[in-house]
């Protein structure tokens, strides 16, 4: 059999590759000879993926609720994939940083724009019934979302706003005790931690604290300051960071707020969220003032953080 020069060149390169690793190339060729052709469904484990929905009730719309949250977590995993690349890049260039941020922003924009699929795709009556079988689980317990926040900014910027000045130089372990989201998972009447928060802390506290320490010099805010210190041009990068700030701290929580108002707001008393979370105080950006990049916003912009979105979506407050 006559091999073309292209095939001979590739065989030669393969031989060099396997010799360098102390491996026998003919054995690997045998493996290739006997291996089946790859299929789409095997490559993405489609059968397994489609079997991961396990409703707790007979209400059909619960499956929509499950699948949308699974899709959300896959998008969060995509975002974390980019976060890790940025934090670990050596050397980090503004071009690489900006390109990965654009990807993260596109993931959050897709999520925000698609949220109506779940909200409009569920009957309110079904949701208010099947949700009771989910106790005390809550979307509040998304560990991946918290990790994205930790990668995005200095840990102190995730502390409740009334504690940030006091705890600015405190160890991360102490700052962790006062993260903004903890106040959103306390019992409304007593102020005690909900079971939802206790479960969440038991599973993730160590992970969050370790990540906070590991990203002290490698979170996005720290990396921006480092590039600026080196005299790099960061204008386009700053634009993407501002967009990330809005996507994560305004748009994403407020589409949840809008859906909570639709499903959980009932006169004269609001319906509690599944985990007992205080969604009325936890979700609105104007209360928490979660801002990843304070240096990129004016005082007026900070003061009106999230206000325009709320008024557009829900009317003047």
C-alpha atoms as a PDB file:
ATOM      1  CA  UNK A   1       0.000   0.000   0.000  1.00  0.00           C
ATOM      2  CA  UNK A   2       1.297   3.418  -0.956  1.00  0.00           C
ATOM      3  CA  UNK A   3       1.040   6.157   1.669  1.00  0.00           C
ATOM      4  CA  UNK A   4       0.789   9.777   0.633  1.00  0.00           C
ATOM      5  CA  UNK A   5       3.510  12.105   1.929  1.00  0.00           C
ATOM      6  CA  UNK A   6       0.955  13.656   4.310  1.00  0.00           C
ATOM      7  CA  UNK A   7       0.196  10.292   5.939  1.00  0.00           C
ATOM      8  CA  UNK A   8       3.882   9.330   6.112  1.00  0.00           C
ATOM      9  CA  UNK A   9       4.634  12.667   7.804  1.00  0.00           C
ATOM     10  CA  UNK A  10       1.913  12.094  10.400  1.00  0.00           C
ATOM     11  CA  UNK A  11       3.041   8.518  11.060  1.00  0.00           C
ATOM     12  CA  UNK A  12       6.572   9.810  11.612  1.00  0.00           C
ATOM     13  CA  UNK A  13       5.320  12.422  14.097  1.00  0.00           C
ATOM     14  CA  UNK A  14       3.248   9.791  15.912  1.00  0.00           C
ATOM     15  CA  UNK A  15       6.292   7.519  16.125  1.00  0.00           C
ATOM     16  CA  UNK A  16       8.316  10.373  17.667  1.00  0.00           C
ATOM     17  CA  UNK A  17       5.515  11.157  20.125  1.00  0.00           C
ATOM     18  CA  UNK A  18       5.168   7.601  21.414  1.00  0.00           C
ATOM     19  CA  UNK A  19       8.935   6.973  21.517  1.00  0.00           C
ATOM     20  CA  UNK A  20       9.370  10.103  23.638  1.00  0.00           C
ATOM     21  CA  UNK A  21       6.860   8.640  26.123  1.00  0.00           C
ATOM     22  CA  UNK A  22       8.415   5.166  26.003  1.00  0.00           C
ATOM     23  CA  UNK A  23       5.295   3.755  24.380  1.00  0.00           C
ATOM     24  CA  UNK A  24       4.795   1.257  21.559  1.00  0.00           C
ATOM     25  CA  UNK A  25       3.036   2.969  18.644  1.00  0.00           C
ATOM     26  CA  UNK A  26       1.708  -0.239  16.982  1.00  0.00           C
ATOM     27  CA  UNK A  27      -0.212  -1.027  20.180  1.00  0.00           C
ATOM     28  CA  UNK A  28      -1.961   2.321  20.018  1.00  0.00           C
ATOM     29  CA  UNK A  29      -2.714   1.759  16.334  1.00  0.00           C
ATOM     30  CA  UNK A  30      -4.315  -1.568  17.266  1.00  0.00           C
ATOM     31  CA  UNK A  31      -6.493   0.280  19.738  1.00  0.00           C
ATOM     32  CA  UNK A  32      -7.550   2.718  17.031  1.00  0.00           C
ATOM     33  CA  UNK A  33      -8.247  -0.166  14.645  1.00  0.00           C
ATOM     34  CA  UNK A  34     -10.635  -1.915  17.036  1.00  0.00           C
ATOM     35  CA  UNK A  35     -12.301   1.132  18.552  1.00  0.00           C
ATOM     36  CA  UNK A  36     -15.877   1.983  17.563  1.00  0.00           C
ATOM     37  CA  UNK A  37     -16.701   5.289  15.909  1.00  0.00           C
ATOM     38  CA  UNK A  38     -17.776   7.950  18.386  1.00  0.00           C
ATOM     39  CA  UNK A  39     -21.439   8.952  18.436  1.00  0.00           C
ATOM     40  CA  UNK A  40     -22.941  12.292  19.465  1.00  0.00           C
ATOM     41  CA  UNK A  41     -25.064  10.760  22.233  1.00  0.00           C
ATOM     42  CA  UNK A  42     -22.137   8.892  23.759  1.00  0.00           C
ATOM     43  CA  UNK A  43     -19.813  11.896  23.559  1.00  0.00           C
ATOM     44  CA  UNK A  44     -22.127  14.175  25.574  1.00  0.00           C
ATOM     45  CA  UNK A  45     -23.590  11.323  27.687  1.00  0.00           C
ATOM     46  CA  UNK A  46     -27.031  12.245  26.419  1.00  0.00           C
ATOM     47  CA  UNK A  47     -28.936   9.330  27.977  1.00  0.00           C
ATOM     48  CA  UNK A  48     -27.450  10.131  31.385  1.00  0.00           C
ATOM     49  CA  UNK A  49     -28.166  13.843  30.978  1.00  0.00           C
ATOM     50  CA  UNK A  50     -31.805  13.228  30.084  1.00  0.00           C
ATOM     51  CA  UNK A  51     -32.256  10.916  33.068  1.00  0.00           C
ATOM     52  CA  UNK A  52     -31.242  13.522  35.660  1.00  0.00           C
ATOM     53  CA  UNK A  53     -34.726  14.968  36.197  1.00  0.00           C
ATOM     54  CA  UNK A  54     -36.469  13.442  39.217  1.00  0.00           C
ATOM     55  CA  UNK A  55     -39.640  15.355  40.099  1.00  0.00           C
ATOM     56  CA  UNK A  56     -40.910  15.039  43.664  1.00  0.00           C
ATOM     57  CA  UNK A  57     -44.561  15.607  42.757  1.00  0.00           C
ATOM     58  CA  UNK A  58     -46.988  14.689  39.928  1.00  0.00           C
ATOM     59  CA  UNK A  59     -47.230  18.322  38.718  1.00  0.00           C
ATOM     60  CA  UNK A  60     -45.895  18.468  35.104  1.00  0.00           C
ATOM     61  CA  UNK A  61     -44.397  21.958  35.448  1.00  0.00           C
ATOM     62  CA  UNK A  62     -41.986  20.798  38.141  1.00  0.00           C
ATOM     63  CA  UNK A  63     -39.884  19.256  35.390  1.00  0.00           C
ATOM     64  CA  UNK A  64     -39.515  22.696  33.774  1.00  0.00           C
ATOM     65  CA  UNK A  65     -38.332  24.057  37.123  1.00  0.00           C
ATOM     66  CA  UNK A  66     -35.739  21.283  37.497  1.00  0.00           C
ATOM     67  CA  UNK A  67     -34.378  21.479  33.968  1.00  0.00           C
ATOM     68  CA  UNK A  68     -34.019  25.237  33.945  1.00  0.00           C
ATOM     69  CA  UNK A  69     -32.013  25.149  37.186  1.00  0.00           C
ATOM     70  CA  UNK A  70     -29.819  22.402  35.763  1.00  0.00           C
ATOM     71  CA  UNK A  71     -29.226  24.525  32.655  1.00  0.00           C
ATOM     72  CA  UNK A  72     -28.370  27.450  34.944  1.00  0.00           C
ATOM     73  CA  UNK A  73     -25.752  25.421  36.791  1.00  0.00           C
ATOM     74  CA  UNK A  74     -24.182  24.350  33.484  1.00  0.00           C
ATOM     75  CA  UNK A  75     -23.883  28.011  32.496  1.00  0.00           C
ATOM     76  CA  UNK A  76     -22.304  28.727  35.887  1.00  0.00           C
ATOM     77  CA  UNK A  77     -19.824  25.926  35.215  1.00  0.00           C
ATOM     78  CA  UNK A  78     -18.967  27.571  31.875  1.00  0.00           C
ATOM     79  CA  UNK A  79     -18.410  30.872  33.687  1.00  0.00           C
ATOM     80  CA  UNK A  80     -16.179  29.207  36.295  1.00  0.00           C
ATOM     81  CA  UNK A  81     -14.200  27.571  33.490  1.00  0.00           C
ATOM     82  CA  UNK A  82     -13.360  31.064  32.238  1.00  0.00           C
ATOM     83  CA  UNK A  83     -12.712  32.400  35.756  1.00  0.00           C
ATOM     84  CA  UNK A  84     -10.088  29.733  36.368  1.00  0.00           C
ATOM     85  CA  UNK A  85      -8.367  30.472  33.065  1.00  0.00           C
ATOM     86  CA  UNK A  86      -8.125  34.165  33.941  1.00  0.00           C
ATOM     87  CA  UNK A  87      -6.836  33.538  37.474  1.00  0.00           C
ATOM     88  CA  UNK A  88      -4.231  31.006  36.304  1.00  0.00           C
ATOM     89  CA  UNK A  89      -3.009  32.725  33.111  1.00  0.00           C
ATOM     90  CA  UNK A  90       0.745  33.388  33.140  1.00  0.00           C
ATOM     91  CA  UNK A  91       1.409  35.914  31.886  1.00  0.00           C
ATOM     92  CA  UNK A  92      -2.029  37.510  31.900  1.00  0.00           C
ATOM     93  CA  UNK A  93      -2.626  39.919  29.024  1.00  0.00           C
ATOM     94  CA  UNK A  94      -5.449  42.442  28.794  1.00  0.00           C
ATOM     95  CA  UNK A  95      -6.517  40.789  25.527  1.00  0.00           C
ATOM     96  CA  UNK A  96      -6.874  37.352  27.114  1.00  0.00           C
ATOM     97  CA  UNK A  97      -8.613  38.787  30.199  1.00  0.00           C
ATOM     98  CA  UNK A  98     -11.064  40.794  28.068  1.00  0.00           C
ATOM     99  CA  UNK A  99     -11.868  37.885  25.748  1.00  0.00           C
ATOM    100  CA  UNK A 100     -12.709  35.572  28.670  1.00  0.00           C
ATOM    101  CA  UNK A 101     -14.816  38.263  30.341  1.00  0.00           C
ATOM    102  CA  UNK A 102     -16.824  38.628  27.138  1.00  0.00           C
ATOM    103  CA  UNK A 103     -17.583  34.923  27.332  1.00  0.00           C
ATOM    104  CA  UNK A 104     -18.708  35.183  30.963  1.00  0.00           C
ATOM    105  CA  UNK A 105     -20.908  38.153  30.139  1.00  0.00           C
ATOM    106  CA  UNK A 106     -22.483  36.253  27.260  1.00  0.00           C
ATOM    107  CA  UNK A 107     -23.310  33.366  29.613  1.00  0.00           C
ATOM    108  CA  UNK A 108     -25.021  35.659  32.116  1.00  0.00           C
ATOM    109  CA  UNK A 109     -26.846  37.548  29.385  1.00  0.00           C
ATOM    110  CA  UNK A 110     -28.167  34.264  27.979  1.00  0.00           C
ATOM    111  CA  UNK A 111     -29.360  33.254  31.436  1.00  0.00           C
ATOM    112  CA  UNK A 112     -31.012  36.578  32.159  1.00  0.00           C
ATOM    113  CA  UNK A 113     -32.755  36.726  28.799  1.00  0.00           C
ATOM    114  CA  UNK A 114     -33.938  33.115  29.073  1.00  0.00           C
ATOM    115  CA  UNK A 115     -35.294  33.376  32.612  1.00  0.00           C
ATOM    116  CA  UNK A 116     -38.743  34.163  31.234  1.00  0.00           C
ATOM    117  CA  UNK A 117     -38.809  30.657  29.753  1.00  0.00           C
ATOM    118  CA  UNK A 118     -39.128  29.240  33.243  1.00  0.00           C
ATOM    119  CA  UNK A 119     -41.236  32.025  34.726  1.00  0.00           C
ATOM    120  CA  UNK A 120     -43.747  32.109  31.878  1.00  0.00           C
ATOM    121  CA  UNK A 121     -43.518  28.360  31.371  1.00  0.00           C
ATOM    122  CA  UNK A 122     -44.939  27.411  34.771  1.00  0.00           C
ATOM    123  CA  UNK A 123     -48.483  27.750  36.003  1.00  0.00           C
ATOM    124  CA  UNK A 124     -48.534  29.708  39.236  1.00  0.00           C
ATOM    125  CA  UNK A 125     -50.964  27.279  40.854  1.00  0.00           C
ATOM    126  CA  UNK A 126     -48.711  24.299  40.078  1.00  0.00           C
ATOM    127  CA  UNK A 127     -45.590  26.081  41.301  1.00  0.00           C
ATOM    128  CA  UNK A 128     -47.148  27.108  44.611  1.00  0.00           C
ATOM    129  CA  UNK A 129     -48.053  23.469  45.234  1.00  0.00           C
ATOM    130  CA  UNK A 130     -44.964  21.560  44.120  1.00  0.00           C
ATOM    131  CA  UNK A 131     -42.581  24.071  45.721  1.00  0.00           C
ATOM    132  CA  UNK A 132     -43.621  22.821  49.159  1.00  0.00           C
ATOM    133  CA  UNK A 133     -42.056  19.436  48.384  1.00  0.00           C
ATOM    134  CA  UNK A 134     -38.672  21.114  47.867  1.00  0.00           C
ATOM    135  CA  UNK A 135     -38.197  22.331  51.444  1.00  0.00           C
ATOM    136  CA  UNK A 136     -35.637  23.357  52.583  1.00  0.00           C
ATOM    137  CA  UNK A 137     -33.768  23.352  49.242  1.00  0.00           C
ATOM    138  CA  UNK A 138     -33.379  26.722  47.537  1.00  0.00           C
ATOM    139  CA  UNK A 139     -31.634  28.241  44.526  1.00  0.00           C
ATOM    140  CA  UNK A 140     -29.906  30.303  47.210  1.00  0.00           C
ATOM    141  CA  UNK A 141     -27.727  27.207  47.699  1.00  0.00           C
ATOM    142  CA  UNK A 142     -25.880  27.508  44.384  1.00  0.00           C
ATOM    143  CA  UNK A 143     -22.251  27.074  45.355  1.00  0.00           C
ATOM    144  CA  UNK A 144     -21.029  27.761  41.823  1.00  0.00           C
ATOM    145  CA  UNK A 145     -22.668  31.191  41.814  1.00  0.00           C
ATOM    146  CA  UNK A 146     -20.837  32.120  45.036  1.00  0.00           C
ATOM    147  CA  UNK A 147     -17.552  30.929  43.540  1.00  0.00           C
ATOM    148  CA  UNK A 148     -18.063  33.192  40.528  1.00  0.00           C
ATOM    149  CA  UNK A 149     -18.568  36.106  42.936  1.00  0.00           C
ATOM    150  CA  UNK A 150     -15.354  35.239  44.790  1.00  0.00           C
ATOM    151  CA  UNK A 151     -13.358  35.106  41.541  1.00  0.00           C
ATOM    152  CA  UNK A 152     -14.894  38.400  40.420  1.00  0.00           C
ATOM    153  CA  UNK A 153     -13.861  40.727  43.231  1.00  0.00           C
ATOM    154  CA  UNK A 154     -12.001  41.353  46.476  1.00  0.00           C
ATOM    155  CA  UNK A 155     -13.598  39.295  49.243  1.00  0.00           C
ATOM    156  CA  UNK A 156     -14.417  42.421  51.259  1.00  0.00           C
ATOM    157  CA  UNK A 157     -16.780  43.579  48.501  1.00  0.00           C
ATOM    158  CA  UNK A 158     -18.981  40.558  49.259  1.00  0.00           C
ATOM    159  CA  UNK A 159     -19.342  41.527  52.907  1.00  0.00           C
ATOM    160  CA  UNK A 160     -22.617  43.155  54.002  1.00  0.00           C
ATOM    161  CA  UNK A 161     -22.349  46.864  53.220  1.00  0.00           C
ATOM    162  CA  UNK A 162     -22.696  47.974  56.860  1.00  0.00           C
ATOM    163  CA  UNK A 163     -19.658  45.845  57.823  1.00  0.00           C
ATOM    164  CA  UNK A 164     -17.258  46.574  54.959  1.00  0.00           C
ATOM    165  CA  UNK A 165     -15.357  49.450  56.571  1.00  0.00           C
ATOM    166  CA  UNK A 166     -15.083  47.693  59.924  1.00  0.00           C
ATOM    167  CA  UNK A 167     -13.852  44.392  58.428  1.00  0.00           C
ATOM    168  CA  UNK A 168     -11.687  45.714  55.586  1.00  0.00           C
ATOM    169  CA  UNK A 169      -8.450  44.452  57.149  1.00  0.00           C
ATOM    170  CA  UNK A 170      -9.954  41.430  58.921  1.00  0.00           C
ATOM    171  CA  UNK A 171      -8.992  37.842  58.003  1.00  0.00           C
ATOM    172  CA  UNK A 172     -11.139  36.193  55.353  1.00  0.00           C
ATOM    173  CA  UNK A 173     -12.561  33.799  57.956  1.00  0.00           C
ATOM    174  CA  UNK A 174     -14.034  36.770  59.831  1.00  0.00           C
ATOM    175  CA  UNK A 175     -15.234  38.476  56.662  1.00  0.00           C
ATOM    176  CA  UNK A 176     -16.924  35.224  55.673  1.00  0.00           C
ATOM    177  CA  UNK A 177     -19.136  35.386  58.775  1.00  0.00           C
ATOM    178  CA  UNK A 178     -20.624  38.634  57.440  1.00  0.00           C
ATOM    179  CA  UNK A 179     -21.098  37.923  53.720  1.00  0.00           C
ATOM    180  CA  UNK A 180     -24.085  39.773  52.268  1.00  0.00           C
ATOM    181  CA  UNK A 181     -26.061  36.673  51.320  1.00  0.00           C
ATOM    182  CA  UNK A 182     -26.212  35.295  54.837  1.00  0.00           C
ATOM    183  CA  UNK A 183     -28.754  37.927  55.842  1.00  0.00           C
ATOM    184  CA  UNK A 184     -30.978  36.619  53.058  1.00  0.00           C
ATOM    185  CA  UNK A 185     -31.225  33.199  54.678  1.00  0.00           C
ATOM    186  CA  UNK A 186     -32.221  34.101  58.191  1.00  0.00           C
ATOM    187  CA  UNK A 187     -35.633  33.498  59.719  1.00  0.00           C
ATOM    188  CA  UNK A 188     -37.741  36.598  59.286  1.00  0.00           C
ATOM    189  CA  UNK A 189     -39.163  36.489  62.808  1.00  0.00           C
ATOM    190  CA  UNK A 190     -36.164  35.434  64.929  1.00  0.00           C
ATOM    191  CA  UNK A 191     -33.110  36.366  62.865  1.00  0.00           C
ATOM    192  CA  UNK A 192     -31.740  32.836  63.306  1.00  0.00           C
ATOM    193  CA  UNK A 193     -30.063  30.915  60.496  1.00  0.00           C
ATOM    194  CA  UNK A 194     -32.475  28.897  58.389  1.00  0.00           C
ATOM    195  CA  UNK A 195     -31.863  25.217  57.764  1.00  0.00           C
ATOM    196  CA  UNK A 196     -31.156  26.243  54.179  1.00  0.00           C
ATOM    197  CA  UNK A 197     -28.208  28.366  55.318  1.00  0.00           C
ATOM    198  CA  UNK A 198     -26.966  25.748  57.783  1.00  0.00           C
ATOM    199  CA  UNK A 199     -26.913  23.106  55.024  1.00  0.00           C
ATOM    200  CA  UNK A 200     -25.173  25.493  52.640  1.00  0.00           C
ATOM    201  CA  UNK A 201     -22.451  26.480  55.116  1.00  0.00           C
ATOM    202  CA  UNK A 202     -21.821  22.858  56.088  1.00  0.00           C
ATOM    203  CA  UNK A 203     -21.188  21.892  52.473  1.00  0.00           C
ATOM    204  CA  UNK A 204     -19.351  24.952  51.151  1.00  0.00           C
ATOM    205  CA  UNK A 205     -17.837  27.121  53.912  1.00  0.00           C
ATOM    206  CA  UNK A 206     -14.374  25.567  53.694  1.00  0.00           C
ATOM    207  CA  UNK A 207     -14.405  25.754  49.883  1.00  0.00           C
ATOM    208  CA  UNK A 208     -15.414  29.427  49.851  1.00  0.00           C
ATOM    209  CA  UNK A 209     -12.835  30.471  52.443  1.00  0.00           C
ATOM    210  CA  UNK A 210     -10.034  28.582  50.677  1.00  0.00           C
ATOM    211  CA  UNK A 211     -10.998  30.085  47.321  1.00  0.00           C
ATOM    212  CA  UNK A 212     -11.146  33.553  48.861  1.00  0.00           C
ATOM    213  CA  UNK A 213      -7.598  33.142  50.155  1.00  0.00           C
ATOM    214  CA  UNK A 214      -6.337  31.662  46.884  1.00  0.00           C
ATOM    215  CA  UNK A 215      -7.735  34.544  44.819  1.00  0.00           C
ATOM    216  CA  UNK A 216      -6.568  37.416  47.041  1.00  0.00           C
ATOM    217  CA  UNK A 217      -4.088  38.448  44.342  1.00  0.00           C
ATOM    218  CA  UNK A 218      -5.879  36.756  41.450  1.00  0.00           C
ATOM    219  CA  UNK A 219      -9.492  37.906  41.589  1.00  0.00           C
ATOM    220  CA  UNK A 220     -10.632  40.127  38.723  1.00  0.00           C
ATOM    221  CA  UNK A 221     -10.431  43.357  40.708  1.00  0.00           C
ATOM    222  CA  UNK A 222      -6.897  42.602  41.904  1.00  0.00           C
ATOM    223  CA  UNK A 223      -5.821  41.607  38.397  1.00  0.00           C
ATOM    224  CA  UNK A 224      -7.262  44.817  36.942  1.00  0.00           C
ATOM    225  CA  UNK A 225      -5.281  46.899  39.446  1.00  0.00           C
ATOM    226  CA  UNK A 226      -2.139  44.910  38.656  1.00  0.00           C
ATOM    227  CA  UNK A 227      -2.500  45.557  34.912  1.00  0.00           C
ATOM    228  CA  UNK A 228      -3.128  49.255  35.555  1.00  0.00           C
ATOM    229  CA  UNK A 229      -0.045  49.410  37.786  1.00  0.00           C
ATOM    230  CA  UNK A 230       1.982  47.926  34.926  1.00  0.00           C
ATOM    231  CA  UNK A 231       0.756  50.714  32.672  1.00  0.00           C
ATOM    232  CA  UNK A 232      -1.363  48.499  30.420  1.00  0.00           C
ATOM    233  CA  UNK A 233      -4.279  49.916  28.445  1.00  0.00           C
ATOM    234  CA  UNK A 234      -7.423  48.612  30.186  1.00  0.00           C
ATOM    235  CA  UNK A 235     -10.285  50.620  28.676  1.00  0.00           C
ATOM    236  CA  UNK A 236     -11.983  47.696  26.889  1.00  0.00           C
ATOM    237  CA  UNK A 237     -11.322  45.474  29.902  1.00  0.00           C
ATOM    238  CA  UNK A 238     -12.965  48.020  32.205  1.00  0.00           C
ATOM    239  CA  UNK A 239     -16.028  48.107  29.943  1.00  0.00           C
ATOM    240  CA  UNK A 240     -16.397  44.328  30.243  1.00  0.00           C
ATOM    241  CA  UNK A 241     -15.910  44.438  34.017  1.00  0.00           C
ATOM    242  CA  UNK A 242     -18.631  47.074  34.338  1.00  0.00           C
ATOM    243  CA  UNK A 243     -20.914  44.890  32.241  1.00  0.00           C
ATOM    244  CA  UNK A 244     -20.120  41.903  34.455  1.00  0.00           C
ATOM    245  CA  UNK A 245     -20.931  43.990  37.521  1.00  0.00           C
ATOM    246  CA  UNK A 246     -24.348  44.833  36.078  1.00  0.00           C
ATOM    247  CA  UNK A 247     -25.013  41.325  34.791  1.00  0.00           C
ATOM    248  CA  UNK A 248     -24.227  39.584  38.080  1.00  0.00           C
ATOM    249  CA  UNK A 249     -25.243  42.178  40.662  1.00  0.00           C
ATOM    250  CA  UNK A 250     -28.224  43.849  39.006  1.00  0.00           C
ATOM    251  CA  UNK A 251     -29.743  41.946  36.100  1.00  0.00           C
ATOM    252  CA  UNK A 252     -29.486  38.386  37.411  1.00  0.00           C
ATOM    253  CA  UNK A 253     -30.791  38.945  40.959  1.00  0.00           C
ATOM    254  CA  UNK A 254     -33.518  41.297  39.742  1.00  0.00           C
ATOM    255  CA  UNK A 255     -35.039  38.852  37.245  1.00  0.00           C
ATOM    256  CA  UNK A 256     -35.326  36.563  40.266  1.00  0.00           C
ATOM    257  CA  UNK A 257     -36.898  39.408  42.218  1.00  0.00           C
ATOM    258  CA  UNK A 258     -39.415  39.972  39.454  1.00  0.00           C
ATOM    259  CA  UNK A 259     -40.389  36.294  39.417  1.00  0.00           C
ATOM    260  CA  UNK A 260     -40.570  36.235  43.230  1.00  0.00           C
ATOM    261  CA  UNK A 261     -42.960  39.169  43.133  1.00  0.00           C
ATOM    262  CA  UNK A 262     -45.071  37.296  40.603  1.00  0.00           C
ATOM    263  CA  UNK A 263     -45.140  33.970  42.439  1.00  0.00           C
ATOM    264  CA  UNK A 264     -44.615  34.844  46.097  1.00  0.00           C
ATOM    265  CA  UNK A 265     -46.211  38.245  46.534  1.00  0.00           C
ATOM    266  CA  UNK A 266     -49.692  37.860  47.959  1.00  0.00           C
ATOM    267  CA  UNK A 267     -51.662  40.430  49.873  1.00  0.00           C
ATOM    268  CA  UNK A 268     -51.664  41.044  52.728  1.00  0.00           C
ATOM    269  CA  UNK A 269     -48.618  38.802  53.433  1.00  0.00           C
ATOM    270  CA  UNK A 270     -45.847  37.617  51.153  1.00  0.00           C
ATOM    271  CA  UNK A 271     -45.388  33.879  50.718  1.00  0.00           C
ATOM    272  CA  UNK A 272     -42.099  32.633  52.129  1.00  0.00           C
ATOM    273  CA  UNK A 273     -39.497  31.265  49.748  1.00  0.00           C
ATOM    274  CA  UNK A 274     -38.802  27.519  49.932  1.00  0.00           C
ATOM    275  CA  UNK A 275     -35.744  27.934  52.124  1.00  0.00           C
ATOM    276  CA  UNK A 276     -37.344  30.620  54.242  1.00  0.00           C
ATOM    277  CA  UNK A 277     -35.041  33.126  52.582  1.00  0.00           C
ATOM    278  CA  UNK A 278     -35.781  36.789  53.032  1.00  0.00           C
ATOM    279  CA  UNK A 279     -36.062  37.458  49.306  1.00  0.00           C
ATOM    280  CA  UNK A 280     -37.537  40.939  49.760  1.00  0.00           C
ATOM    281  CA  UNK A 281     -34.268  42.162  51.304  1.00  0.00           C
ATOM    282  CA  UNK A 282     -31.837  39.719  49.695  1.00  0.00           C
ATOM    283  CA  UNK A 283     -32.617  40.140  45.976  1.00  0.00           C
ATOM    284  CA  UNK A 284     -33.029  43.906  45.352  1.00  0.00           C
ATOM    285  CA  UNK A 285     -29.659  45.415  44.391  1.00  0.00           C
ATOM    286  CA  UNK A 286     -30.546  48.783  45.926  1.00  0.00           C
ATOM    287  CA  UNK A 287     -30.506  47.196  49.416  1.00  0.00           C
ATOM    288  CA  UNK A 288     -27.319  45.161  49.164  1.00  0.00           C
ATOM    289  CA  UNK A 289     -25.234  47.509  46.981  1.00  0.00           C
ATOM    290  CA  UNK A 290     -23.236  44.562  45.701  1.00  0.00           C
ATOM    291  CA  UNK A 291     -20.587  46.169  43.510  1.00  0.00           C
ATOM    292  CA  UNK A 292     -17.536  44.255  42.325  1.00  0.00           C
ATOM    293  CA  UNK A 293     -15.584  47.243  40.962  1.00  0.00           C
ATOM    294  CA  UNK A 294     -16.270  50.402  42.999  1.00  0.00           C
ATOM    295  CA  UNK A 295     -13.441  52.291  41.305  1.00  0.00           C
ATOM    296  CA  UNK A 296     -15.179  51.973  37.936  1.00  0.00           C
ATOM    297  CA  UNK A 297     -18.409  53.689  39.017  1.00  0.00           C
ATOM    298  CA  UNK A 298     -19.254  57.256  40.013  1.00  0.00           C
ATOM    299  CA  UNK A 299     -20.762  58.103  43.395  1.00  0.00           C
ATOM    300  CA  UNK A 300     -24.087  58.847  41.714  1.00  0.00           C
ATOM    301  CA  UNK A 301     -24.067  55.515  39.901  1.00  0.00           C
ATOM    302  CA  UNK A 302     -23.407  53.706  43.164  1.00  0.00           C
ATOM    303  CA  UNK A 303     -26.209  55.571  44.922  1.00  0.00           C
ATOM    304  CA  UNK A 304     -28.699  54.593  42.206  1.00  0.00           C
ATOM    305  CA  UNK A 305     -27.423  51.021  41.870  1.00  0.00           C
ATOM    306  CA  UNK A 306     -30.216  48.859  40.440  1.00  0.00           C
ATOM    307  CA  UNK A 307     -32.875  51.543  40.795  1.00  0.00           C
ATOM    308  CA  UNK A 308     -33.476  52.039  37.068  1.00  0.00           C
ATOM    309  CA  UNK A 309     -34.014  48.307  36.486  1.00  0.00           C
ATOM    310  CA  UNK A 310     -36.503  47.980  39.338  1.00  0.00           C
ATOM    311  CA  UNK A 311     -38.514  51.010  38.240  1.00  0.00           C
ATOM    312  CA  UNK A 312     -38.599  49.794  34.637  1.00  0.00           C
ATOM    313  CA  UNK A 313     -39.671  46.277  35.579  1.00  0.00           C
ATOM    314  CA  UNK A 314     -41.903  46.909  38.582  1.00  0.00           C
ATOM    315  CA  UNK A 315     -42.774  50.602  38.543  1.00  0.00           C
ATOM    316  CA  UNK A 316     -41.537  53.336  40.929  1.00  0.00           C
ATOM    317  CA  UNK A 317     -40.788  52.113  44.451  1.00  0.00           C
END
